[in-house]
Amino acid sequence: MNKSIQKPLVMGNYYYGDGEMAWAWWQYNQAELAIIGDKTLSPRRQLVSHITNEISKRDPQAVFMISTEAPQLGEAYTIESIPWVEGYPDPPEFFEDRSVFIETRHFFSNSYFNLLAKILDVPRSQLLPPISFKPHIEGPLQGYKRAIESLSDDVNYKELLMDHLLKIGKIPWVQLKDHGKRYYIEATGSVYEQALSFLTAAWSFWTMTCQMDDPQQMLLVVELPKELLRHDVDPVIEKIVLETLKILKYVSIVTTTSIILSSEMLYPAPELKLRFKLFFQTEDSDIDLNHESVKNVIDPELLQEWKNGNPNVGLWMDDVTSNTNDTRVVVRVGDQKPFFWDDYE
């Protein structure tokens, strides 16, 4: 592990006074942050870009991002961990998180084919014959593989399912110079295709952490398409997205991984109980700090700054602190890029 990276990130300044607002991003009890803001009206994406840049310059192996941005050219980085994880039996009884591993492995493969059924517009019960696998020697994906191979060649989607089995084996990420590794979500397809793309990225990241032998301080940034988070989305998608994010949060609890949820929507940050939240201006979102129902508890100076056309003022919230003065703090970002507080002891 790169010890020198365990320094707070100075994200900006307090709006009142001269203090700097820092995030001890690597610490176990501070490793969760949601940054909420419109993709064009707020500095959210720019701030995330600066954070990934600063950490990647310090440790090129540290940053992973699941992104909805337009793909950028970089060096191909393929994660081939899913077949590796699926090739192992269920852990022995004495493993403390044995049940979590078993349930997670089931969830990913089951959800993958649930979404494929939606994409193909085939009832899930008709997509495949019942699967069977031998948990004492293999994971559930092996059962799905045998079920697909057993389909008659007359089944018009058999070849597509076989192609997906191959795709699962090699998940394409991109290594960007000074910004870490990116997985670009398929943002032009249907909501089911977008959800499948996100699930695939999360599955590959989870299996990669299972395969790691040595601790590695990491930051995972998750940016989701807004369409997957709307209240009227198909409950199948809603359940899969929330459960996937819970798995990624669990990874951040049991490994040296910090997580940023970068989103235009507040949901599902409260459901995930992410400790820190940084709010900027939103539009067409499920949260609006200018709304009559909440604006009376929001600092009027913050709302006035937005009204005056200054998007770089935001609200930092800490849901865990016992210091009431730190629960809601108006902050200013953008005067300088985030940087490491190297004098911190």
Protein backbone atom coordinates (compact mmCIF):
# COMPACT_ATOMS: atom_id res chain seq x y z
CA MET A 1 0.00 0.00 0.00
CA ASN A 2 1.25 3.49 -0.76
CA LYS A 3 1.51 5.05 2.70
CA SER A 4 2.18 8.57 1.43
CA ILE A 5 -1.31 8.74 -0.05
CA GLN A 6 -2.91 8.66 3.41
CA LYS A 7 -3.30 12.42 3.62
CA PRO A 8 -6.53 14.45 3.58
CA LEU A 9 -7.69 16.02 0.36
CA VAL A 10 -8.34 19.74 0.63
CA MET A 11 -11.51 20.12 -1.43
CA GLY A 12 -12.17 23.83 -0.99
CA ASN A 13 -12.69 26.53 1.60
CA TYR A 14 -15.33 27.24 4.18
CA TYR A 15 -17.66 29.97 2.97
CA TYR A 16 -17.46 31.74 6.32
CA GLY A 17 -13.91 32.36 7.54
CA ASP A 18 -10.62 31.26 6.05
CA GLY A 19 -10.56 27.57 6.95
CA GLU A 20 -9.92 24.87 4.39
CA MET A 21 -12.42 22.04 3.98
CA ALA A 22 -10.59 18.70 3.89
CA TRP A 23 -11.78 15.12 3.43
CA ALA A 24 -9.87 12.32 5.15
CA TRP A 25 -10.88 10.07 2.28
CA TRP A 26 -8.75 7.03 3.19
CA GLN A 27 -9.97 6.66 6.78
CA TYR A 28 -12.35 3.79 7.52
CA ASN A 29 -15.07 5.98 9.05
CA GLN A 30 -14.85 8.73 6.41
CA ALA A 31 -14.57 6.72 3.20
CA GLU A 32 -18.05 7.46 1.77
CA LEU A 33 -19.06 10.62 -0.06
CA ALA A 34 -21.96 11.53 -2.34
CA ILE A 35 -21.50 14.57 -4.60
CA ILE A 36 -24.87 15.75 -5.90
CA GLY A 37 -25.22 18.32 -8.65
CA ASP A 38 -26.38 18.95 -12.20
CA LYS A 39 -23.87 17.84 -14.82
CA THR A 40 -23.79 21.28 -16.46
CA LEU A 41 -25.01 23.77 -13.82
CA SER A 42 -22.66 22.58 -11.08
CA PRO A 43 -18.91 21.91 -10.75
CA ARG A 44 -19.56 18.28 -9.73
CA ARG A 45 -17.90 16.59 -12.69
CA GLN A 46 -14.99 19.01 -12.70
CA LEU A 47 -14.44 18.47 -8.97
CA VAL A 48 -14.50 14.68 -9.40
CA SER A 49 -12.04 15.00 -12.30
CA HIS A 50 -9.66 17.04 -10.14
CA ILE A 51 -9.92 14.49 -7.30
CA THR A 52 -9.17 11.53 -9.57
CA ASN A 53 -6.29 13.47 -11.11
CA GLU A 54 -4.73 14.35 -7.77
CA ILE A 55 -4.94 10.82 -6.37
CA SER A 56 -3.80 9.18 -9.65
CA LYS A 57 -0.71 11.39 -9.79
CA ARG A 58 0.20 10.14 -6.31
CA ASP A 59 -0.65 6.49 -7.01
CA PRO A 60 -1.49 5.43 -10.60
CA GLN A 61 -3.07 2.18 -9.31
CA ALA A 62 -5.51 3.84 -6.90
CA VAL A 63 -8.43 5.22 -8.94
CA PHE A 64 -11.31 3.42 -10.64
CA MET A 65 -14.36 5.19 -12.05
CA ILE A 66 -17.63 3.92 -13.49
CA SER A 67 -18.60 6.84 -15.71
CA THR A 68 -21.44 8.11 -17.89
CA GLU A 69 -19.17 10.60 -19.65
CA ALA A 70 -18.30 10.25 -23.32
CA PRO A 71 -15.52 7.65 -23.66
CA GLN A 72 -11.97 8.93 -23.87
CA LEU A 73 -9.05 7.25 -25.55
CA GLY A 74 -6.56 5.56 -23.29
CA GLU A 75 -4.69 2.35 -22.71
CA ALA A 76 -6.87 -0.76 -22.65
CA TYR A 77 -7.17 -2.34 -19.21
CA THR A 78 -9.08 -5.61 -19.14
CA ILE A 79 -10.44 -7.15 -15.94
CA GLU A 80 -10.65 -10.93 -16.25
CA SER A 81 -11.57 -11.68 -12.62
CA ILE A 82 -15.15 -12.92 -13.05
CA PRO A 83 -14.23 -16.38 -14.41
CA TRP A 84 -11.53 -16.62 -11.73
CA VAL A 85 -14.02 -15.99 -8.92
CA GLU A 86 -16.61 -18.29 -10.51
CA GLY A 87 -14.03 -21.08 -10.71
CA TYR A 88 -13.84 -21.36 -6.93
CA PRO A 89 -16.13 -23.34 -4.63
CA ASP A 90 -18.14 -21.69 -1.88
CA PRO A 91 -15.81 -20.75 0.99
CA PRO A 92 -15.48 -23.12 3.98
CA GLU A 93 -17.90 -22.72 6.89
CA PHE A 94 -15.35 -20.97 9.12
CA PHE A 95 -15.03 -17.90 6.83
CA GLU A 96 -16.68 -14.96 8.59
CA ASP A 97 -18.25 -13.38 5.48
CA ARG A 98 -18.90 -16.68 3.71
CA SER A 99 -22.63 -16.01 3.30
CA VAL A 100 -21.96 -12.52 1.90
CA PHE A 101 -19.66 -13.95 -0.76
CA ILE A 102 -22.17 -16.66 -1.70
CA GLU A 103 -25.09 -14.23 -1.89
CA THR A 104 -23.07 -11.68 -3.88
CA ARG A 105 -21.96 -14.27 -6.42
CA HIS A 106 -25.56 -15.42 -6.87
CA PHE A 107 -26.81 -11.85 -7.14
CA PHE A 108 -24.50 -10.81 -9.97
CA SER A 109 -25.11 -13.78 -12.26
CA ASN A 110 -28.85 -13.89 -11.54
CA SER A 111 -29.25 -10.13 -12.08
CA TYR A 112 -27.23 -10.28 -15.29
CA PHE A 113 -29.62 -12.76 -16.89
CA ASN A 114 -32.68 -11.02 -15.44
CA LEU A 115 -31.64 -7.88 -17.30
CA LEU A 116 -30.81 -9.82 -20.46
CA ALA A 117 -34.35 -11.25 -20.38
CA LYS A 118 -35.70 -7.69 -20.26
CA ILE A 119 -33.44 -6.62 -23.13
CA LEU A 120 -34.53 -9.59 -25.23
CA ASP A 121 -38.18 -9.13 -24.18
CA VAL A 122 -38.35 -12.78 -23.19
CA PRO A 123 -40.06 -13.81 -19.92
CA ARG A 124 -37.33 -14.70 -17.46
CA SER A 125 -38.92 -18.09 -16.81
CA GLN A 126 -38.60 -18.92 -20.50
CA LEU A 127 -35.10 -17.52 -21.11
CA LEU A 128 -33.23 -20.55 -19.78
CA PRO A 129 -33.99 -23.98 -18.36
CA PRO A 130 -33.42 -24.31 -14.60
CA ILE A 131 -29.74 -24.13 -13.75
CA SER A 132 -27.77 -26.42 -11.47
CA PHE A 133 -24.20 -26.12 -10.25
CA LYS A 134 -21.90 -27.74 -7.72
CA PRO A 135 -21.13 -25.15 -5.02
CA HIS A 136 -18.40 -27.37 -3.57
CA ILE A 137 -16.36 -26.92 -6.77
CA GLU A 138 -17.74 -23.91 -8.72
CA GLY A 139 -19.81 -20.73 -8.78
CA PRO A 140 -23.36 -20.32 -10.17
CA LEU A 141 -22.19 -18.83 -13.48
CA GLN A 142 -21.01 -22.31 -14.47
CA GLY A 143 -24.61 -23.49 -14.17
CA TYR A 144 -25.81 -20.67 -16.42
CA LYS A 145 -23.10 -21.59 -18.94
CA ARG A 146 -24.28 -25.20 -19.11
CA ALA A 147 -27.93 -24.10 -19.37
CA ILE A 148 -27.10 -21.82 -22.31
CA GLU A 149 -25.07 -24.50 -24.04
CA SER A 150 -27.99 -26.92 -23.65
CA LEU A 151 -30.37 -24.65 -25.56
CA SER A 152 -31.44 -25.88 -28.97
CA ASP A 153 -29.69 -24.16 -31.87
CA ASP A 154 -33.18 -23.17 -33.02
CA VAL A 155 -33.43 -20.72 -30.08
CA ASN A 156 -32.85 -17.41 -31.80
CA TYR A 157 -31.06 -15.77 -28.86
CA LYS A 158 -28.70 -18.64 -28.00
CA GLU A 159 -25.80 -17.09 -29.91
CA LEU A 160 -26.33 -13.75 -28.17
CA LEU A 161 -26.23 -15.44 -24.74
CA MET A 162 -23.04 -17.26 -25.75
CA ASP A 163 -21.54 -13.90 -26.78
CA HIS A 164 -22.41 -12.47 -23.37
CA LEU A 165 -20.66 -15.36 -21.63
CA LEU A 166 -17.52 -14.41 -23.55
CA LYS A 167 -17.97 -10.70 -22.71
CA ILE A 168 -18.24 -11.46 -18.98
CA GLY A 169 -14.79 -13.01 -19.15
CA LYS A 170 -13.05 -9.84 -20.31
CA ILE A 171 -14.46 -6.55 -19.05
CA PRO A 172 -13.01 -3.51 -20.89
CA TRP A 173 -11.79 -0.64 -18.73
CA VAL A 174 -9.59 2.18 -19.99
CA GLN A 175 -6.47 3.50 -18.27
CA LEU A 176 -6.39 7.28 -18.63
CA LYS A 177 -3.24 9.28 -18.03
CA ASP A 178 -3.43 10.77 -14.50
CA HIS A 179 -7.10 9.85 -14.03
CA GLY A 180 -7.03 6.15 -13.21
CA LYS A 181 -9.10 3.44 -14.83
CA ARG A 182 -12.53 4.12 -16.32
CA TYR A 183 -15.43 1.93 -17.30
CA TYR A 184 -17.81 3.77 -19.60
CA ILE A 185 -21.47 2.86 -19.14
CA GLU A 186 -23.39 2.25 -22.35
CA ALA A 187 -25.39 5.48 -22.20
CA THR A 188 -27.21 5.36 -25.55
CA GLY A 189 -29.15 2.12 -25.12
CA SER A 190 -32.33 1.34 -23.22
CA VAL A 191 -32.48 1.65 -19.44
CA TYR A 192 -32.05 -2.13 -19.25
CA GLU A 193 -28.88 -1.95 -21.35
CA GLN A 194 -27.56 0.89 -19.18
CA ALA A 195 -28.35 -1.09 -16.04
CA LEU A 196 -26.60 -4.17 -17.48
CA SER A 197 -23.56 -2.07 -18.32
CA PHE A 198 -23.39 -0.71 -14.76
CA LEU A 199 -23.89 -4.16 -13.27
CA THR A 200 -21.06 -5.53 -15.43
CA ALA A 201 -18.67 -2.81 -14.28
CA ALA A 202 -19.52 -3.37 -10.60
CA TRP A 203 -19.26 -7.15 -10.99
CA SER A 204 -15.79 -6.85 -12.50
CA PHE A 205 -14.64 -4.44 -9.77
CA TRP A 206 -15.95 -6.70 -6.99
CA THR A 207 -14.26 -9.78 -8.43
CA MET A 208 -11.02 -7.84 -8.90
CA THR A 209 -10.98 -6.98 -5.19
CA CYS A 210 -11.56 -10.68 -4.42
CA GLN A 211 -8.49 -11.54 -6.50
CA MET A 212 -6.13 -9.01 -4.89
CA ASP A 213 -3.43 -10.46 -2.68
CA ASP A 214 -1.93 -7.22 -1.37
CA PRO A 215 -3.79 -4.26 0.17
CA GLN A 216 -4.13 -1.34 -2.25
CA GLN A 217 -5.58 2.01 -1.25
CA MET A 218 -8.27 2.71 -3.85
CA LEU A 219 -10.91 5.25 -4.72
CA LEU A 220 -13.96 4.05 -6.65
CA VAL A 221 -16.10 6.77 -8.23
CA VAL A 222 -19.57 5.68 -9.35
CA GLU A 223 -21.52 7.91 -11.74
CA LEU A 224 -24.91 6.57 -12.78
CA PRO A 225 -27.27 7.56 -15.60
CA LYS A 226 -30.08 9.67 -14.19
CA GLU A 227 -32.65 7.43 -15.90
CA LEU A 228 -31.71 4.50 -13.64
CA LEU A 229 -32.49 6.53 -10.50
CA ARG A 230 -35.88 8.00 -11.34
CA HIS A 231 -38.78 7.04 -9.08
CA ASP A 232 -40.75 5.52 -11.96
CA VAL A 233 -37.98 3.22 -13.22
CA ASP A 234 -38.80 -0.48 -13.58
CA PRO A 235 -38.66 -2.03 -10.06
CA VAL A 236 -36.35 -4.72 -11.48
CA ILE A 237 -33.79 -2.03 -12.29
CA GLU A 238 -34.35 -0.15 -9.03
CA LYS A 239 -33.70 -3.29 -6.98
CA ILE A 240 -30.61 -4.30 -8.97
CA VAL A 241 -29.04 -0.82 -8.89
CA LEU A 242 -29.58 -0.40 -5.15
CA GLU A 243 -28.28 -3.87 -4.31
CA THR A 244 -25.25 -3.36 -6.55
CA LEU A 245 -24.41 -0.11 -4.80
CA LYS A 246 -24.81 -1.82 -1.41
CA ILE A 247 -22.27 -4.42 -2.53
CA LEU A 248 -19.83 -1.69 -3.58
CA LYS A 249 -20.33 0.03 -0.23
CA TYR A 250 -19.60 -3.28 1.50
CA VAL A 251 -16.36 -3.48 -0.48
CA SER A 252 -15.45 -0.04 0.89
CA ILE A 253 -16.11 -1.28 4.44
CA VAL A 254 -14.05 -4.49 4.28
CA THR A 255 -11.19 -3.32 2.02
CA THR A 256 -9.03 -0.21 1.72
CA THR A 257 -11.45 1.29 -0.82
CA SER A 258 -13.11 4.68 -0.56
CA ILE A 259 -16.22 5.44 -2.60
CA ILE A 260 -17.67 8.57 -4.22
CA LEU A 261 -21.20 8.48 -5.61
CA SER A 262 -21.28 11.25 -8.22
CA SER A 263 -24.84 11.92 -9.28
CA GLU A 264 -27.50 14.33 -10.44
CA MET A 265 -29.95 12.64 -8.05
CA LEU A 266 -30.06 12.34 -4.27
CA TYR A 267 -31.42 8.79 -4.41
CA PRO A 268 -30.02 6.41 -3.30
CA ALA A 269 -27.42 8.19 -1.12
CA PRO A 270 -29.73 8.25 1.97
CA GLU A 271 -30.68 4.59 1.51
CA LEU A 272 -26.98 3.70 1.37
CA LYS A 273 -26.33 5.79 4.50
CA LEU A 274 -23.31 7.46 2.94
CA ARG A 275 -21.75 9.61 5.67
CA PHE A 276 -20.80 12.71 3.68
CA LYS A 277 -22.80 14.59 1.05
CA LEU A 278 -21.80 17.63 -0.97
CA PHE A 279 -24.73 19.41 -2.63
CA PHE A 280 -24.53 21.78 -5.57
CA GLN A 281 -27.24 23.16 -7.84
CA THR A 282 -29.56 20.58 -9.38
CA GLU A 283 -32.09 20.56 -12.20
CA ASP A 284 -34.65 17.92 -13.15
CA SER A 285 -33.64 16.05 -10.02
CA ASP A 286 -35.25 14.47 -6.96
CA ILE A 287 -33.66 17.15 -4.75
CA ASP A 288 -33.94 20.93 -5.07
CA LEU A 289 -32.55 23.02 -2.21
CA ASN A 290 -34.49 26.00 -3.57
CA HIS A 291 -37.79 24.18 -3.07
CA GLU A 292 -40.20 25.82 -0.63
CA SER A 293 -40.28 22.69 1.54
CA VAL A 294 -36.55 22.87 2.36
CA LYS A 295 -35.28 26.35 1.52
CA ASN A 296 -36.22 27.71 4.96
CA VAL A 297 -33.58 25.41 6.56
CA ILE A 298 -30.89 26.17 3.93
CA ASP A 299 -28.46 29.05 4.42
CA PRO A 300 -29.92 31.93 2.36
CA GLU A 301 -26.40 33.03 1.36
CA LEU A 302 -25.93 29.70 -0.47
CA LEU A 303 -29.18 30.15 -2.39
CA GLN A 304 -28.30 33.76 -3.16
CA GLU A 305 -24.91 32.74 -4.57
CA TRP A 306 -26.65 30.33 -6.93
CA LYS A 307 -29.15 33.01 -7.89
CA ASN A 308 -26.23 35.32 -8.65
CA GLY A 309 -24.77 32.75 -11.01
CA ASN A 310 -22.01 31.35 -8.79
CA PRO A 311 -22.21 27.53 -9.02
CA ASN A 312 -19.04 26.93 -6.98
CA VAL A 313 -20.73 27.26 -3.59
CA GLY A 314 -22.16 24.13 -2.07
CA LEU A 315 -23.45 22.51 1.11
CA TRP A 316 -21.27 19.93 2.86
CA MET A 317 -23.19 17.58 5.15
CA ASP A 318 -21.85 15.10 7.70
CA ASP A 319 -24.50 12.68 8.95
CA VAL A 320 -22.31 11.16 11.67
CA THR A 321 -20.48 13.98 13.43
CA SER A 322 -21.44 14.81 17.00
CA ASN A 323 -20.44 18.44 16.47
CA THR A 324 -23.62 20.24 15.38
CA ASN A 325 -21.53 23.01 13.78
CA ASP A 326 -20.17 20.46 11.29
CA THR A 327 -23.51 18.91 10.32
CA ARG A 328 -24.14 21.45 7.55
CA VAL A 329 -21.36 23.69 6.31
CA VAL A 330 -21.46 26.06 3.35
CA VAL A 331 -18.28 25.64 1.31
CA ARG A 332 -16.64 27.19 -1.70
CA VAL A 333 -14.83 25.12 -4.33
CA GLY A 334 -13.11 26.03 -7.56
CA ASP A 335 -10.76 28.74 -6.27
CA GLN A 336 -8.06 26.10 -6.58
CA LYS A 337 -7.96 22.43 -7.48
CA PRO A 338 -8.15 19.83 -4.68
CA PHE A 339 -4.72 19.03 -3.24
CA PHE A 340 -3.20 16.81 -0.58
CA TRP A 341 -2.66 18.24 2.88
CA ASP A 342 0.86 16.87 3.07
CA ASP A 343 1.67 18.48 6.45
CA TYR A 344 -1.13 16.50 8.09
CA GLU A 345 0.06 14.18 10.86
